[in-house]
Amino acid sequence: MKLITAYIRPEKLSDVKETLADVDIKKMSVTNSLGCGQQGGYTETYRGVDMEINLIKKIRIEIALNEAYVDTAIKAIIKGAKTGKIGDGKIFVTDILRCIRIRTEEEGEEAIG
């Protein structure tokens, strides 16, 4: 069992959801996020004053999957999120030690599926 955490551009969320749905991955958690990376930030003028904005708006997607779907999900996220420009985001894959579905008390792969 793996947890995929992806940080993407907000405007690419629809595309990523669509490419994931195309490979039959529909369960995910989505949250708004702020962060900085290689992109560094940008300068914005507000009421005549230049302001350095170094926390960029991103979307965080979390998907818990059985091992067989991990590479498929990664390829779908990249296909939907990639613009080829700095700031496209990152994907992290981590192990899930235990998963329990509260309603049925199922554990492991049955709980994720």
N, C-alpha and C. Protein backbone atom coordinates (compact mmCIF):
# COMPACT_ATOMS: atom_id res chain seq x y z
N MET A 1 0.85 -1.18 0.00
CA MET A 1 0.00 0.00 0.00
C MET A 1 0.89 1.23 0.00
N LYS A 2 0.52 2.22 -0.81
CA LYS A 2 1.30 3.43 -0.96
C LYS A 2 0.39 4.66 -0.84
N LEU A 3 1.01 5.76 -0.43
CA LEU A 3 0.33 7.05 -0.42
C LEU A 3 1.05 7.95 -1.39
N ILE A 4 0.33 8.41 -2.40
CA ILE A 4 0.87 9.37 -3.35
C ILE A 4 0.43 10.75 -2.91
N THR A 5 1.40 11.64 -2.74
CA THR A 5 1.12 13.04 -2.43
C THR A 5 1.69 13.87 -3.57
N ALA A 6 0.83 14.61 -4.24
CA ALA A 6 1.26 15.42 -5.38
C ALA A 6 0.92 16.88 -5.13
N TYR A 7 1.87 17.75 -5.43
CA TYR A 7 1.65 19.19 -5.39
C TYR A 7 1.65 19.68 -6.83
N ILE A 8 0.54 20.30 -7.24
CA ILE A 8 0.39 20.73 -8.63
C ILE A 8 -0.10 22.18 -8.69
N ARG A 9 -0.07 22.74 -9.89
CA ARG A 9 -0.61 24.08 -10.11
C ARG A 9 -2.13 24.02 -9.95
N PRO A 10 -2.73 25.04 -9.32
CA PRO A 10 -4.19 25.03 -9.12
C PRO A 10 -4.98 24.90 -10.43
N GLU A 11 -4.50 25.52 -11.48
CA GLU A 11 -5.24 25.49 -12.75
C GLU A 11 -5.17 24.13 -13.44
N LYS A 12 -4.33 23.22 -12.96
CA LYS A 12 -4.20 21.89 -13.56
C LYS A 12 -5.03 20.83 -12.84
N LEU A 13 -5.74 21.20 -11.78
CA LEU A 13 -6.51 20.21 -11.03
C LEU A 13 -7.53 19.47 -11.89
N SER A 14 -8.28 20.18 -12.70
CA SER A 14 -9.28 19.54 -13.56
C SER A 14 -8.64 18.53 -14.50
N ASP A 15 -7.51 18.91 -15.09
CA ASP A 15 -6.81 18.01 -16.01
C ASP A 15 -6.32 16.75 -15.29
N VAL A 16 -5.78 16.93 -14.07
CA VAL A 16 -5.27 15.79 -13.32
C VAL A 16 -6.42 14.86 -12.91
N LYS A 17 -7.51 15.44 -12.44
CA LYS A 17 -8.67 14.61 -12.08
C LYS A 17 -9.17 13.83 -13.29
N GLU A 18 -9.17 14.45 -14.44
CA GLU A 18 -9.63 13.79 -15.67
C GLU A 18 -8.70 12.65 -16.07
N THR A 19 -7.38 12.88 -16.02
CA THR A 19 -6.45 11.81 -16.41
C THR A 19 -6.48 10.67 -15.41
N LEU A 20 -6.68 10.97 -14.13
CA LEU A 20 -6.83 9.90 -13.14
C LEU A 20 -8.12 9.11 -13.35
N ALA A 21 -9.20 9.80 -13.66
CA ALA A 21 -10.48 9.12 -13.92
C ALA A 21 -10.37 8.22 -15.15
N ASP A 22 -9.58 8.65 -16.14
CA ASP A 22 -9.38 7.84 -17.35
C ASP A 22 -8.74 6.49 -17.04
N VAL A 23 -7.95 6.41 -15.95
CA VAL A 23 -7.32 5.14 -15.57
C VAL A 23 -8.03 4.53 -14.35
N ASP A 24 -9.27 4.97 -14.13
CA ASP A 24 -10.16 4.42 -13.10
C ASP A 24 -9.67 4.67 -11.67
N ILE A 25 -9.04 5.83 -11.44
CA ILE A 25 -8.65 6.25 -10.09
C ILE A 25 -9.48 7.48 -9.77
N LYS A 26 -10.42 7.31 -8.84
CA LYS A 26 -11.37 8.38 -8.55
C LYS A 26 -11.36 8.81 -7.09
N LYS A 27 -10.71 8.04 -6.21
CA LYS A 27 -10.69 8.36 -4.79
C LYS A 27 -9.45 9.18 -4.47
N MET A 28 -9.65 10.36 -3.90
CA MET A 28 -8.52 11.22 -3.57
C MET A 28 -8.96 12.28 -2.58
N SER A 29 -8.00 12.87 -1.91
CA SER A 29 -8.24 14.03 -1.06
C SER A 29 -7.52 15.21 -1.71
N VAL A 30 -8.17 16.36 -1.74
CA VAL A 30 -7.60 17.55 -2.37
C VAL A 30 -7.67 18.70 -1.37
N THR A 31 -6.54 19.39 -1.18
CA THR A 31 -6.49 20.55 -0.30
C THR A 31 -5.69 21.67 -0.95
N ASN A 32 -6.00 22.90 -0.56
CA ASN A 32 -5.21 24.05 -0.99
C ASN A 32 -3.95 24.09 -0.15
N SER A 33 -2.86 24.53 -0.76
CA SER A 33 -1.58 24.54 -0.08
C SER A 33 -0.78 25.76 -0.51
N LEU A 34 0.13 26.20 0.34
CA LEU A 34 1.08 27.26 0.00
C LEU A 34 2.47 26.72 0.19
N GLY A 35 3.39 27.08 -0.68
CA GLY A 35 4.75 26.61 -0.52
C GLY A 35 5.70 27.34 -1.44
N CYS A 36 6.98 27.06 -1.25
CA CYS A 36 7.98 27.64 -2.13
C CYS A 36 9.01 26.57 -2.47
N GLY A 37 9.54 26.68 -3.63
CA GLY A 37 10.53 25.72 -4.10
C GLY A 37 11.45 26.42 -5.06
N GLN A 38 11.84 25.73 -6.09
CA GLN A 38 12.76 26.27 -7.08
C GLN A 38 12.18 27.50 -7.77
N GLN A 39 10.86 27.56 -7.86
CA GLN A 39 10.18 28.67 -8.50
C GLN A 39 10.49 29.99 -7.78
N GLY A 40 10.63 29.93 -6.46
CA GLY A 40 11.10 31.08 -5.69
C GLY A 40 10.08 32.12 -5.33
N GLY A 41 9.11 32.38 -6.15
CA GLY A 41 8.11 33.40 -5.87
C GLY A 41 8.07 34.45 -6.97
N TYR A 42 7.41 35.55 -6.67
CA TYR A 42 7.27 36.62 -7.65
C TYR A 42 7.04 37.94 -6.94
N THR A 43 7.14 39.03 -7.68
CA THR A 43 6.92 40.37 -7.13
C THR A 43 5.57 40.86 -7.62
N GLU A 44 4.80 41.45 -6.71
CA GLU A 44 3.47 41.96 -7.03
C GLU A 44 3.38 43.38 -6.50
N THR A 45 2.70 44.25 -7.24
CA THR A 45 2.50 45.62 -6.78
C THR A 45 1.11 45.74 -6.18
N TYR A 46 1.07 46.21 -4.93
CA TYR A 46 -0.19 46.40 -4.22
C TYR A 46 -0.23 47.82 -3.68
N ARG A 47 -1.19 48.60 -4.19
CA ARG A 47 -1.34 50.01 -3.80
C ARG A 47 -0.04 50.79 -3.95
N GLY A 48 0.64 50.52 -5.07
CA GLY A 48 1.86 51.25 -5.38
C GLY A 48 3.12 50.74 -4.70
N VAL A 49 3.01 49.70 -3.91
CA VAL A 49 4.17 49.16 -3.20
C VAL A 49 4.49 47.77 -3.75
N ASP A 50 5.76 47.56 -4.11
CA ASP A 50 6.19 46.24 -4.59
C ASP A 50 6.31 45.29 -3.40
N MET A 51 5.69 44.13 -3.54
CA MET A 51 5.72 43.13 -2.48
C MET A 51 6.30 41.83 -3.04
N GLU A 52 7.18 41.21 -2.27
CA GLU A 52 7.75 39.93 -2.66
C GLU A 52 6.83 38.81 -2.15
N ILE A 53 6.28 38.03 -3.06
CA ILE A 53 5.41 36.90 -2.71
C ILE A 53 6.24 35.64 -2.87
N ASN A 54 6.59 34.98 -1.75
CA ASN A 54 7.44 33.79 -1.89
C ASN A 54 6.71 32.49 -1.55
N LEU A 55 5.45 32.57 -1.16
CA LEU A 55 4.65 31.36 -0.98
C LEU A 55 3.63 31.29 -2.12
N ILE A 56 3.77 30.28 -2.93
CA ILE A 56 2.97 30.12 -4.13
C ILE A 56 1.79 29.19 -3.84
N LYS A 57 0.62 29.52 -4.40
CA LYS A 57 -0.56 28.66 -4.23
C LYS A 57 -0.37 27.38 -5.04
N LYS A 58 -0.62 26.26 -4.38
CA LYS A 58 -0.56 24.95 -5.01
C LYS A 58 -1.76 24.13 -4.54
N ILE A 59 -1.99 23.03 -5.20
CA ILE A 59 -3.01 22.06 -4.80
C ILE A 59 -2.29 20.80 -4.36
N ARG A 60 -2.71 20.26 -3.22
CA ARG A 60 -2.14 19.01 -2.70
C ARG A 60 -3.17 17.91 -2.92
N ILE A 61 -2.75 16.87 -3.61
CA ILE A 61 -3.61 15.71 -3.87
C ILE A 61 -3.00 14.53 -3.14
N GLU A 62 -3.82 13.81 -2.38
CA GLU A 62 -3.38 12.60 -1.71
C GLU A 62 -4.23 11.43 -2.19
N ILE A 63 -3.55 10.35 -2.57
CA ILE A 63 -4.23 9.17 -3.08
C ILE A 63 -3.61 7.94 -2.42
N ALA A 64 -4.41 7.16 -1.72
CA ALA A 64 -3.96 5.89 -1.14
C ALA A 64 -4.30 4.79 -2.14
N LEU A 65 -3.28 3.99 -2.48
CA LEU A 65 -3.45 2.98 -3.52
C LEU A 65 -2.80 1.66 -3.15
N ASN A 66 -3.33 0.60 -3.73
CA ASN A 66 -2.63 -0.67 -3.69
C ASN A 66 -1.45 -0.59 -4.67
N GLU A 67 -0.43 -1.36 -4.41
CA GLU A 67 0.83 -1.32 -5.16
C GLU A 67 0.65 -1.36 -6.68
N ALA A 68 -0.30 -2.14 -7.15
CA ALA A 68 -0.49 -2.34 -8.59
C ALA A 68 -0.87 -1.06 -9.33
N TYR A 69 -1.42 -0.07 -8.66
CA TYR A 69 -1.90 1.14 -9.32
C TYR A 69 -0.94 2.33 -9.23
N VAL A 70 0.17 2.18 -8.53
CA VAL A 70 1.05 3.32 -8.24
C VAL A 70 1.63 3.93 -9.52
N ASP A 71 2.26 3.13 -10.35
CA ASP A 71 2.89 3.67 -11.57
C ASP A 71 1.85 4.27 -12.51
N THR A 72 0.69 3.65 -12.61
CA THR A 72 -0.39 4.17 -13.45
C THR A 72 -0.84 5.53 -12.94
N ALA A 73 -0.98 5.68 -11.64
CA ALA A 73 -1.41 6.95 -11.05
C ALA A 73 -0.36 8.04 -11.28
N ILE A 74 0.91 7.70 -11.10
CA ILE A 74 1.99 8.67 -11.30
C ILE A 74 1.99 9.18 -12.74
N LYS A 75 1.89 8.26 -13.69
CA LYS A 75 1.88 8.66 -15.11
C LYS A 75 0.68 9.55 -15.42
N ALA A 76 -0.48 9.24 -14.83
CA ALA A 76 -1.68 10.05 -15.07
C ALA A 76 -1.53 11.45 -14.47
N ILE A 77 -0.96 11.54 -13.28
CA ILE A 77 -0.76 12.85 -12.65
C ILE A 77 0.20 13.69 -13.50
N ILE A 78 1.28 13.08 -13.94
CA ILE A 78 2.24 13.81 -14.78
C ILE A 78 1.58 14.27 -16.08
N LYS A 79 0.82 13.40 -16.71
CA LYS A 79 0.15 13.75 -17.96
C LYS A 79 -0.80 14.94 -17.77
N GLY A 80 -1.52 14.97 -16.66
CA GLY A 80 -2.46 16.05 -16.43
C GLY A 80 -1.84 17.33 -15.92
N ALA A 81 -0.71 17.24 -15.22
CA ALA A 81 -0.13 18.41 -14.55
C ALA A 81 1.01 19.07 -15.31
N LYS A 82 1.64 18.36 -16.20
CA LYS A 82 2.87 18.86 -16.82
C LYS A 82 2.63 19.97 -17.83
N THR A 83 3.35 21.09 -17.63
CA THR A 83 3.37 22.17 -18.61
C THR A 83 4.76 22.32 -19.21
N GLY A 84 5.75 21.73 -18.54
CA GLY A 84 7.13 21.85 -18.98
C GLY A 84 7.83 23.08 -18.44
N LYS A 85 7.15 23.82 -17.58
CA LYS A 85 7.71 25.05 -17.00
C LYS A 85 8.00 24.83 -15.52
N ILE A 86 8.89 25.65 -15.00
CA ILE A 86 9.22 25.59 -13.58
C ILE A 86 7.95 25.82 -12.77
N GLY A 87 7.78 25.06 -11.70
CA GLY A 87 6.59 25.19 -10.86
C GLY A 87 5.49 24.19 -11.15
N ASP A 88 5.78 23.19 -11.99
CA ASP A 88 4.78 22.16 -12.29
C ASP A 88 4.43 21.33 -11.06
N GLY A 89 5.36 21.21 -10.11
CA GLY A 89 5.06 20.51 -8.87
C GLY A 89 5.93 19.30 -8.62
N LYS A 90 5.52 18.51 -7.64
CA LYS A 90 6.26 17.32 -7.22
C LYS A 90 5.28 16.20 -6.87
N ILE A 91 5.78 14.98 -6.94
CA ILE A 91 5.02 13.80 -6.52
C ILE A 91 5.90 13.03 -5.53
N PHE A 92 5.30 12.70 -4.38
CA PHE A 92 5.99 11.91 -3.36
C PHE A 92 5.23 10.59 -3.19
N VAL A 93 5.95 9.50 -3.05
CA VAL A 93 5.34 8.19 -2.81
C VAL A 93 5.89 7.66 -1.49
N THR A 94 4.98 7.36 -0.57
CA THR A 94 5.39 6.84 0.74
C THR A 94 4.63 5.55 1.04
N ASP A 95 5.23 4.75 1.89
CA ASP A 95 4.59 3.51 2.32
C ASP A 95 3.48 3.80 3.33
N ILE A 96 2.42 3.01 3.24
CA ILE A 96 1.36 3.04 4.24
C ILE A 96 1.53 1.78 5.08
N LEU A 97 1.74 1.96 6.35
CA LEU A 97 1.95 0.80 7.22
C LEU A 97 0.65 0.08 7.55
N ARG A 98 -0.41 0.84 7.68
CA ARG A 98 -1.69 0.23 8.06
C ARG A 98 -2.83 1.11 7.58
N CYS A 99 -3.89 0.49 7.13
CA CYS A 99 -5.09 1.21 6.70
C CYS A 99 -6.31 0.45 7.22
N ILE A 100 -7.24 1.19 7.82
CA ILE A 100 -8.46 0.58 8.35
C ILE A 100 -9.66 1.37 7.86
N ARG A 101 -10.61 0.69 7.25
CA ARG A 101 -11.87 1.33 6.87
C ARG A 101 -12.76 1.33 8.11
N ILE A 102 -13.15 2.50 8.56
CA ILE A 102 -13.89 2.64 9.81
C ILE A 102 -15.23 1.91 9.76
N ARG A 103 -15.97 2.08 8.66
CA ARG A 103 -17.32 1.52 8.56
C ARG A 103 -17.34 0.01 8.74
N THR A 104 -16.43 -0.70 8.07
CA THR A 104 -16.46 -2.17 8.08
C THR A 104 -15.35 -2.80 8.91
N GLU A 105 -14.42 -1.99 9.34
CA GLU A 105 -13.23 -2.44 10.07
C GLU A 105 -12.30 -3.32 9.24
N GLU A 106 -12.46 -3.28 7.90
CA GLU A 106 -11.54 -3.99 7.02
C GLU A 106 -10.17 -3.35 7.14
N GLU A 107 -9.12 -4.17 6.91
CA GLU A 107 -7.77 -3.66 6.98
C GLU A 107 -7.00 -4.00 5.71
N GLY A 108 -5.94 -3.23 5.49
CA GLY A 108 -5.02 -3.50 4.38
C GLY A 108 -5.60 -3.14 3.02
N GLU A 109 -5.26 -3.97 2.03
CA GLU A 109 -5.68 -3.69 0.65
C GLU A 109 -7.19 -3.65 0.48
N GLU A 110 -7.91 -4.44 1.26
CA GLU A 110 -9.38 -4.43 1.17
C GLU A 110 -9.94 -3.07 1.63
N ALA A 111 -9.28 -2.44 2.57
CA ALA A 111 -9.75 -1.15 3.08
C ALA A 111 -9.51 -0.03 2.09
N ILE A 112 -8.47 -0.14 1.29
CA ILE A 112 -8.15 0.92 0.31
C ILE A 112 -9.03 0.80 -0.92
N GLY A 113 -9.26 -0.43 -1.39
CA GLY A 113 -9.95 -0.69 -2.64
C GLY A 113 -11.32 -0.18 -2.78
